[in-house]
Amino acid sequence: MSKAAFIVSPLRSPVGKAFRGSFRSKRPDDLCADVMKAVLAATPNLDPHLIEDVILGCAMPEAEQGMNIARFCVLLAGMPDSVPAVTVNRFCSSGLQTIAMAAHQVQSGAAECIMAGGTESMSLIPMMGHKVVGSRQMNDLHPDAYLGMGMTAENVSFDYKVSRQDQDEFAFQSHQKAVKAIESGLFKQEIVPIKVQLRTPKDGGQVDLKETVVTTDEGPRADTTVEALNKLKPAFLTSGGSVTAGNSSQMSDGAAMSLVCSEDFVKRHNLQPIARFAGFSVAGVPPRVMGIGPIAAIPKACKQAGISQDMIQRIELNEAFAAQALAVIRSLKLNPDTINLTGGAIALGHPLGATGAKLTATLLHGMKRDKQKWGMVSMCIGTGMGAAGIFEML
């Protein structure tokens, strides 16, 4: 019989807008180190020497995110040299994958305390990295594996008959819910304020240096309307397309981390867990419709957790695109009233390798606030996969 794995101190950074937001020049290792420090500060009874590993998700692990960024984050956070670290890449699910990997080690008895999460700077590392080198054999056998994400969303919108109007309505609601959540202070418990230095060129070759503290997600727009979204041109198909910049997830920068601990460890060190890790699943789907991945992953995760789908009271479903989110919701007959109650990635952003850990923090703090029992994080994954993680509140 496997042991229980508990989530302790799930926290995240604000999510910055890529290229023009507050984190545009903030290194992803520095950003993640700030979140790691906050997790340790929120867990004062924990001796950092007892952390047996750090597992960090990153979707584009090169350049500023290369060189096993996980280990650099550990050192930048001032954690003991004895704490090892590993970087994991399963694209958009990387941050959830690391939490699952940590939980599986705890459940097997191989570890008692692991820190897990993800970090990503889309400002510094472009989608697909700096140099994409495709395989000739892949081009011959599986050309859809290199299909742009926007085109896969167009395929989903066509195959699953998701209209442009429905996509724009969904996107509008994402912004409305996110703006309301920010105005109500619903993210304050999960967000770590991040100090940044902004440099602005001045006349005469001078640079204006300004230090500020970022406390709020930068993506949500209170002024957007369905009418404004309707006017946007398709971003990926010049004729007949329905996927636009407005009904797609935002490119973002962010980091999120949690502690995953055994029951004995929690009791010995008087920690305050927020939830129990209950199940996790990944599944493969055709790359040309990668957005439907959760349709295959969610039933598997529910079976592993030993619950029925209708028992889930709150879902953080990553909004890579409105088209794929709606296809998942409709295909699985998910209750819309349980999904992305404080907005999704269309409004709040999608920092790739950090997203799964970020959504976990949002899910668990939201469930604690609303006194709910069962919750789920799920997302589609590039090249044709889906992931889902299920949590039980304590």
Protein backbone atom coordinates (compact mmCIF):
# COMPACT_ATOMS: atom_id res chain seq x y z
CA MET A 1 0.00 0.00 0.00
CA SER A 2 1.43 3.37 -1.01
CA LYS A 3 2.01 6.15 1.48
CA ALA A 4 0.20 9.48 1.41
CA ALA A 5 1.87 12.53 -0.16
CA PHE A 6 0.88 15.99 1.05
CA ILE A 7 1.28 19.44 -0.52
CA VAL A 8 2.75 22.12 1.74
CA SER A 9 3.11 25.87 1.07
CA PRO A 10 2.13 26.09 -2.62
CA LEU A 11 3.13 29.57 -3.81
CA ARG A 12 3.70 31.36 -7.09
CA SER A 13 5.01 34.57 -8.52
CA PRO A 14 2.71 37.03 -10.25
CA VAL A 15 2.52 36.23 -13.95
CA GLY A 16 4.21 38.86 -16.11
CA LYS A 17 3.44 39.68 -19.73
CA ALA A 18 6.24 38.43 -21.94
CA PHE A 19 8.46 40.97 -23.72
CA ARG A 20 6.86 44.10 -22.28
CA GLY A 21 5.97 43.14 -18.72
CA SER A 22 7.76 43.64 -15.42
CA PHE A 23 9.74 40.37 -15.70
CA ARG A 24 11.00 41.00 -19.24
CA SER A 25 14.61 41.16 -18.02
CA LYS A 26 14.23 39.04 -14.87
CA ARG A 27 16.14 35.80 -15.20
CA PRO A 28 13.97 32.72 -14.69
CA ASP A 29 16.42 31.26 -12.16
CA ASP A 30 16.33 34.47 -10.11
CA LEU A 31 12.54 34.55 -10.30
CA CYS A 32 12.22 30.94 -9.19
CA ALA A 33 14.76 31.42 -6.41
CA ASP A 34 12.59 34.23 -5.02
CA VAL A 35 9.61 31.87 -4.92
CA MET A 36 11.70 29.11 -3.31
CA LYS A 37 12.75 31.52 -0.56
CA ALA A 38 9.10 32.39 0.03
CA VAL A 39 8.12 28.72 0.29
CA LEU A 40 10.82 28.19 2.93
CA ALA A 41 9.75 31.34 4.79
CA ALA A 42 6.16 30.08 4.79
CA THR A 43 7.37 26.80 6.32
CA PRO A 44 9.49 28.02 9.28
CA ASN A 45 9.52 24.62 11.01
CA LEU A 46 11.35 23.05 8.07
CA ASP A 47 15.12 22.73 8.14
CA PRO A 48 16.16 23.15 4.46
CA HIS A 49 18.85 20.50 4.95
CA LEU A 50 16.01 17.96 5.11
CA ILE A 51 14.86 18.66 1.54
CA GLU A 52 15.99 15.58 -0.37
CA ASP A 53 15.59 16.90 -3.90
CA VAL A 54 14.25 19.79 -5.96
CA ILE A 55 12.41 18.89 -9.18
CA LEU A 56 11.83 21.85 -11.49
CA GLY A 57 9.80 22.02 -14.67
CA CYS A 58 10.93 24.10 -17.65
CA ALA A 59 9.58 23.82 -21.19
CA MET A 60 12.49 25.46 -23.02
CA PRO A 61 15.58 24.47 -20.98
CA GLU A 62 18.29 26.32 -22.91
CA ALA A 63 20.21 29.63 -22.79
CA GLU A 64 19.13 31.44 -19.57
CA GLN A 65 17.12 28.32 -18.71
CA GLY A 66 19.86 25.82 -19.51
CA MET A 67 22.66 24.21 -17.48
CA ASN A 68 20.20 22.32 -15.23
CA ILE A 69 18.42 25.49 -14.14
CA ALA A 70 16.96 23.64 -11.14
CA ARG A 71 20.35 23.41 -9.44
CA PHE A 72 21.09 27.07 -10.11
CA CYS A 73 17.75 28.01 -8.54
CA VAL A 74 18.64 26.02 -5.42
CA LEU A 75 21.97 27.81 -5.07
CA LEU A 76 20.48 31.25 -5.80
CA ALA A 77 17.82 30.64 -3.16
CA GLY A 78 20.54 30.13 -0.55
CA MET A 79 19.57 26.52 0.08
CA PRO A 80 22.25 24.16 1.45
CA ASP A 81 24.75 22.69 -0.99
CA SER A 82 23.47 19.27 0.07
CA VAL A 83 20.13 19.84 -1.69
CA PRO A 84 20.29 18.33 -5.20
CA ALA A 85 18.09 19.33 -8.12
CA VAL A 86 16.90 18.15 -11.53
CA THR A 87 15.17 19.87 -14.44
CA VAL A 88 12.19 18.17 -16.11
CA ASN A 89 10.54 18.95 -19.43
CA ARG A 90 7.09 17.81 -20.46
CA PHE A 91 6.30 21.12 -22.16
CA CYS A 92 3.12 22.75 -20.78
CA SER A 93 2.61 20.16 -18.05
CA SER A 94 6.16 20.34 -16.70
CA GLY A 95 5.18 22.13 -13.47
CA LEU A 96 2.47 19.57 -12.70
CA GLN A 97 4.70 16.69 -13.77
CA THR A 98 7.31 17.65 -11.17
CA ILE A 99 4.74 17.68 -8.38
CA ALA A 100 3.56 14.24 -9.49
CA MET A 101 7.13 12.92 -9.62
CA ALA A 102 7.80 14.23 -6.13
CA ALA A 103 4.56 12.71 -4.87
CA HIS A 104 5.34 9.34 -6.44
CA GLN A 105 8.70 9.26 -4.66
CA VAL A 106 7.01 10.05 -1.36
CA GLN A 107 4.29 7.47 -1.97
CA SER A 108 6.88 4.78 -2.71
CA GLY A 109 8.87 5.60 0.42
CA ALA A 110 11.92 6.74 -1.58
CA ALA A 111 11.76 10.27 -0.13
CA GLU A 112 10.01 12.25 2.60
CA CYS A 113 10.40 15.87 1.50
CA ILE A 114 10.87 17.23 -2.02
CA MET A 115 10.38 20.72 -3.41
CA ALA A 116 8.71 20.78 -6.84
CA GLY A 117 7.38 23.30 -9.34
CA GLY A 118 8.41 25.17 -12.46
CA THR A 119 9.80 28.35 -13.97
CA GLU A 120 9.71 29.93 -17.42
CA SER A 121 10.74 33.17 -19.07
CA MET A 122 9.06 33.49 -22.44
CA SER A 123 10.57 36.98 -22.64
CA LEU A 124 14.10 35.56 -22.75
CA ILE A 125 13.55 32.18 -24.44
CA PRO A 126 11.30 32.09 -27.52
CA MET A 127 8.77 29.36 -28.23
CA MET A 128 10.62 26.28 -29.52
CA GLY A 129 13.92 27.72 -28.31
CA HIS A 130 16.54 29.71 -30.19
CA LYS A 131 17.32 27.09 -32.83
CA VAL A 132 14.82 24.47 -33.95
CA VAL A 133 16.45 21.53 -35.72
CA GLY A 134 13.86 19.14 -37.04
CA SER A 135 14.39 15.49 -37.88
CA ARG A 136 14.06 14.56 -41.55
CA GLN A 137 12.56 11.22 -40.51
CA MET A 138 10.02 12.98 -38.27
CA ASN A 139 9.12 15.27 -41.15
CA ASP A 140 8.45 12.20 -43.26
CA LEU A 141 6.66 10.07 -40.66
CA HIS A 142 5.05 12.57 -38.24
CA PRO A 143 4.97 16.07 -39.75
CA ASP A 144 2.14 17.09 -37.41
CA ALA A 145 4.57 16.91 -34.50
CA TYR A 146 6.07 20.18 -35.75
CA LEU A 147 2.72 21.84 -36.37
CA GLY A 148 2.40 25.25 -34.73
CA MET A 149 0.21 25.29 -31.65
CA GLY A 150 -2.17 27.80 -33.23
CA MET A 151 -2.76 25.50 -36.18
CA THR A 152 -3.55 22.61 -33.85
CA ALA A 153 -6.15 24.85 -32.22
CA GLU A 154 -7.63 25.58 -35.64
CA ASN A 155 -7.84 21.83 -36.23
CA VAL A 156 -9.61 21.34 -32.91
CA SER A 157 -12.06 24.17 -33.61
CA PHE A 158 -12.92 22.52 -36.96
CA ASP A 159 -13.07 18.91 -35.76
CA TYR A 160 -15.08 19.74 -32.62
CA LYS A 161 -17.20 22.47 -34.22
CA VAL A 162 -16.20 25.26 -31.81
CA SER A 163 -17.36 28.55 -33.33
CA ARG A 164 -15.45 31.83 -33.36
CA GLN A 165 -18.24 33.43 -31.34
CA ASP A 166 -18.03 30.76 -28.64
CA GLN A 167 -14.27 31.17 -28.45
CA ASP A 168 -14.51 34.94 -28.05
CA GLU A 169 -17.25 34.62 -25.41
CA PHE A 170 -15.08 32.17 -23.50
CA ALA A 171 -12.09 34.52 -23.71
CA PHE A 172 -14.18 37.46 -22.49
CA GLN A 173 -15.37 35.48 -19.48
CA SER A 174 -11.78 34.51 -18.66
CA HIS A 175 -10.83 38.19 -18.41
CA GLN A 176 -13.96 39.08 -16.46
CA LYS A 177 -13.36 36.38 -13.86
CA ALA A 178 -9.66 37.24 -13.53
CA VAL A 179 -10.29 40.95 -13.10
CA LYS A 180 -12.93 40.26 -10.46
CA ALA A 181 -10.57 37.89 -8.62
CA ILE A 182 -7.78 40.47 -8.57
CA GLU A 183 -10.12 43.24 -7.40
CA SER A 184 -11.37 40.93 -4.63
CA GLY A 185 -7.83 40.06 -3.52
CA LEU A 186 -8.33 36.34 -4.13
CA PHE A 187 -4.75 35.73 -5.29
CA LYS A 188 -2.99 37.45 -2.40
CA GLN A 189 -2.45 34.28 -0.36
CA GLU A 190 -0.77 32.43 -3.22
CA ILE A 191 1.33 35.21 -4.78
CA VAL A 192 4.89 36.04 -3.74
CA PRO A 193 5.74 39.75 -4.25
CA ILE A 194 8.76 39.95 -6.54
CA LYS A 195 11.33 42.76 -6.59
CA VAL A 196 12.51 43.80 -10.03
CA GLN A 197 14.85 46.41 -11.44
CA LEU A 198 13.66 48.14 -14.59
CA ARG A 199 16.19 49.93 -16.78
CA THR A 200 15.07 52.63 -19.22
CA PRO A 201 17.49 54.31 -21.67
CA LYS A 202 17.82 58.09 -21.32
CA ASP A 203 19.36 60.81 -23.46
CA GLY A 204 23.14 61.02 -23.37
CA GLY A 205 23.63 57.29 -22.99
CA GLN A 206 22.34 57.27 -19.43
CA VAL A 207 20.10 54.58 -17.96
CA ASP A 208 17.26 55.23 -15.58
CA LEU A 209 17.23 52.48 -12.94
CA LYS A 210 13.98 51.92 -11.07
CA GLU A 211 13.25 49.24 -8.48
CA THR A 212 9.68 48.12 -8.00
CA VAL A 213 7.74 45.25 -6.43
CA VAL A 214 5.39 43.22 -8.62
CA THR A 215 2.38 41.88 -6.72
CA THR A 216 -0.29 41.35 -9.38
CA ASP A 217 -0.78 39.31 -12.54
CA GLU A 218 -0.32 41.60 -15.53
CA GLY A 219 -2.48 39.93 -18.18
CA PRO A 220 -6.15 40.51 -17.27
CA ARG A 221 -7.89 43.36 -19.08
CA ALA A 222 -10.91 45.02 -17.55
CA ASP A 223 -11.61 46.94 -20.76
CA THR A 224 -11.92 44.03 -23.16
CA THR A 225 -15.32 43.27 -24.70
CA VAL A 226 -16.77 40.53 -26.87
CA GLU A 227 -17.17 43.10 -29.63
CA ALA A 228 -13.48 44.02 -29.44
CA LEU A 229 -12.49 40.36 -29.51
CA ASN A 230 -14.75 39.77 -32.53
CA LYS A 231 -12.79 42.38 -34.49
CA LEU A 232 -9.41 40.65 -34.14
CA LYS A 233 -8.07 38.92 -37.24
CA PRO A 234 -7.28 35.19 -37.19
CA ALA A 235 -3.66 34.75 -36.12
CA PHE A 236 -2.82 31.48 -37.84
CA LEU A 237 -5.07 31.10 -40.91
CA THR A 238 -5.53 33.96 -43.33
CA SER A 239 -8.79 32.51 -44.62
CA GLY A 240 -11.47 30.85 -42.56
CA GLY A 241 -9.54 30.87 -39.29
CA SER A 242 -11.15 31.42 -35.88
CA VAL A 243 -8.19 31.37 -33.49
CA THR A 244 -6.95 34.86 -32.64
CA ALA A 245 -4.53 36.50 -30.24
CA GLY A 246 -7.56 37.36 -28.12
CA ASN A 247 -8.88 33.83 -27.66
CA SER A 248 -5.45 32.25 -27.14
CA SER A 249 -3.32 32.07 -24.00
CA GLN A 250 -0.91 34.90 -23.35
CA MET A 251 2.86 34.43 -23.53
CA SER A 252 4.12 34.95 -20.01
CA ASP A 253 6.88 34.82 -17.41
CA GLY A 254 6.41 33.16 -14.03
CA ALA A 255 7.44 30.61 -11.41
CA ALA A 256 5.70 28.46 -8.80
CA MET A 257 6.85 25.97 -6.17
CA SER A 258 5.45 23.60 -3.52
CA LEU A 259 6.75 21.17 -0.94
CA VAL A 260 5.65 17.55 -1.24
CA CYS A 261 6.00 15.63 2.01
CA SER A 262 5.12 12.32 3.62
CA GLU A 263 2.61 12.03 6.45
CA ASP A 264 5.30 11.04 8.96
CA PHE A 265 7.48 13.98 7.91
CA VAL A 266 4.59 16.44 8.24
CA LYS A 267 3.81 15.20 11.76
CA ARG A 268 7.44 15.09 12.92
CA HIS A 269 8.13 18.66 11.87
CA ASN A 270 4.73 20.13 12.70
CA LEU A 271 4.04 21.25 9.14
CA GLN A 272 0.63 22.40 7.91
CA PRO A 273 -0.24 20.62 4.64
CA ILE A 274 -3.01 22.04 2.50
CA ALA A 275 -3.96 18.97 0.45
CA ARG A 276 -3.23 15.34 -0.38
CA PHE A 277 -1.95 14.40 -3.81
CA ALA A 278 -4.55 11.90 -5.03
CA GLY A 279 -3.70 10.97 -8.60
CA PHE A 280 -1.98 11.91 -11.84
CA SER A 281 -2.15 10.75 -15.40
CA VAL A 282 -0.72 11.59 -18.81
CA ALA A 283 -2.04 10.43 -22.16
CA GLY A 284 -1.16 10.73 -25.82
CA VAL A 285 -3.37 12.03 -28.64
CA PRO A 286 -2.74 12.87 -32.32
CA PRO A 287 -0.33 15.82 -32.54
CA ARG A 288 -2.54 17.65 -35.06
CA VAL A 289 -5.17 18.08 -32.31
CA MET A 290 -2.88 18.25 -29.30
CA GLY A 291 -5.41 20.44 -27.46
CA ILE A 292 -7.73 17.51 -26.76
CA GLY A 293 -5.12 15.86 -24.53
CA PRO A 294 -7.14 16.35 -21.31
CA ILE A 295 -10.02 14.35 -22.82
CA ALA A 296 -7.78 11.28 -22.62
CA ALA A 297 -5.92 12.17 -19.41
CA ILE A 298 -8.76 13.22 -17.10
CA PRO A 299 -10.66 9.89 -16.99
CA LYS A 300 -7.38 8.06 -16.27
CA ALA A 301 -6.55 10.43 -13.41
CA CYS A 302 -10.03 10.05 -11.89
CA LYS A 303 -9.71 6.27 -12.00
CA GLN A 304 -6.31 6.43 -10.34
CA ALA A 305 -7.67 8.70 -7.60
CA GLY A 306 -10.63 6.40 -7.08
CA ILE A 307 -13.26 9.08 -7.68
CA SER A 308 -15.86 9.80 -10.31
CA GLN A 309 -15.57 12.88 -12.50
CA ASP A 310 -18.72 14.42 -11.00
CA MET A 311 -17.08 14.49 -7.55
CA ILE A 312 -14.61 17.16 -8.69
CA GLN A 313 -15.75 20.52 -7.33
CA ARG A 314 -13.07 22.78 -8.81
CA ILE A 315 -10.97 22.52 -11.97
CA GLU A 316 -8.05 24.56 -13.21
CA LEU A 317 -8.10 23.75 -16.93
CA ASN A 318 -5.26 25.48 -18.72
CA GLU A 319 -6.67 27.69 -21.45
CA ALA A 320 -4.03 27.18 -24.12
CA PHE A 321 -6.74 28.20 -26.56
CA ALA A 322 -10.45 28.78 -26.09
CA ALA A 323 -11.10 26.27 -28.88
CA GLN A 324 -9.38 23.40 -27.10
CA ALA A 325 -10.72 24.29 -23.66
CA LEU A 326 -14.28 24.28 -24.99
CA ALA A 327 -13.69 21.01 -26.85
CA VAL A 328 -12.49 19.39 -23.61
CA ILE A 329 -15.37 20.79 -21.54
CA ARG A 330 -18.00 19.65 -24.03
CA SER A 331 -16.50 16.24 -24.79
CA LEU A 332 -16.19 15.27 -21.12
CA LYS A 333 -19.38 17.11 -20.13
CA LEU A 334 -17.49 19.01 -17.45
CA ASN A 335 -19.53 21.43 -15.36
CA PRO A 336 -18.58 24.96 -16.55
CA ASP A 337 -19.43 26.31 -13.08
CA THR A 338 -16.43 24.41 -11.65
CA ILE A 339 -13.86 25.55 -14.21
CA ASN A 340 -11.35 28.41 -13.89
CA LEU A 341 -13.40 30.32 -11.33
CA THR A 342 -10.78 33.07 -11.10
CA GLY A 343 -9.96 33.18 -14.80
CA GLY A 344 -7.63 31.17 -16.98
CA ALA A 345 -4.55 31.45 -19.15
CA ILE A 346 -6.27 33.57 -21.81
CA ALA A 347 -6.42 36.33 -19.20
CA LEU A 348 -3.81 35.35 -16.61
CA GLY A 349 -1.12 33.97 -18.90
CA HIS A 350 0.61 30.67 -19.58
CA PRO A 351 4.27 30.57 -18.45
CA LEU A 352 4.75 27.12 -20.01
CA GLY A 353 6.92 25.05 -17.64
CA ALA A 354 5.62 26.93 -14.59
CA THR A 355 1.93 26.68 -15.48
CA GLY A 356 1.12 23.34 -13.86
CA ALA A 357 2.62 24.40 -10.52
CA LYS A 358 1.01 27.84 -10.80
CA LEU A 359 -2.42 26.28 -11.41
CA THR A 360 -1.87 23.92 -8.48
CA ALA A 361 -1.27 26.88 -6.16
CA THR A 362 -4.37 28.65 -7.49
CA LEU A 363 -6.49 25.50 -7.21
CA LEU A 364 -5.50 24.65 -3.65
CA HIS A 365 -5.81 28.17 -2.25
CA GLY A 366 -9.18 28.53 -3.97
CA MET A 367 -10.45 25.22 -2.58
CA LYS A 368 -9.29 26.14 0.90
CA ARG A 369 -11.09 29.46 0.64
CA ASP A 370 -14.32 27.87 -0.62
CA LYS A 371 -14.13 24.77 1.59
CA GLN A 372 -14.14 22.26 -1.26
CA LYS A 373 -12.86 18.69 -1.15
CA TRP A 374 -11.83 17.44 -4.60
CA GLY A 375 -9.98 19.48 -7.24
CA MET A 376 -8.12 18.94 -10.48
CA VAL A 377 -5.45 20.60 -12.63
CA SER A 378 -5.36 19.64 -16.30
CA MET A 379 -3.79 20.83 -19.54
CA CYS A 380 -2.99 19.90 -23.11
CA ILE A 381 0.65 19.40 -24.08
CA GLY A 382 2.50 20.14 -27.31
CA THR A 383 3.17 17.25 -29.74
CA GLY A 384 -0.07 15.57 -28.67
CA MET A 385 -0.43 14.81 -24.97
CA GLY A 386 -2.57 15.71 -21.99
CA ALA A 387 -2.08 15.64 -18.22
CA ALA A 388 -4.31 15.77 -15.17
CA GLY A 389 -3.60 15.86 -11.45
CA ILE A 390 -6.16 15.37 -8.69
CA PHE A 391 -5.94 16.71 -5.15
CA GLU A 392 -7.97 16.15 -1.98
CA MET A 393 -8.21 19.01 0.46
CA LEU A 394 -7.54 18.28 4.12
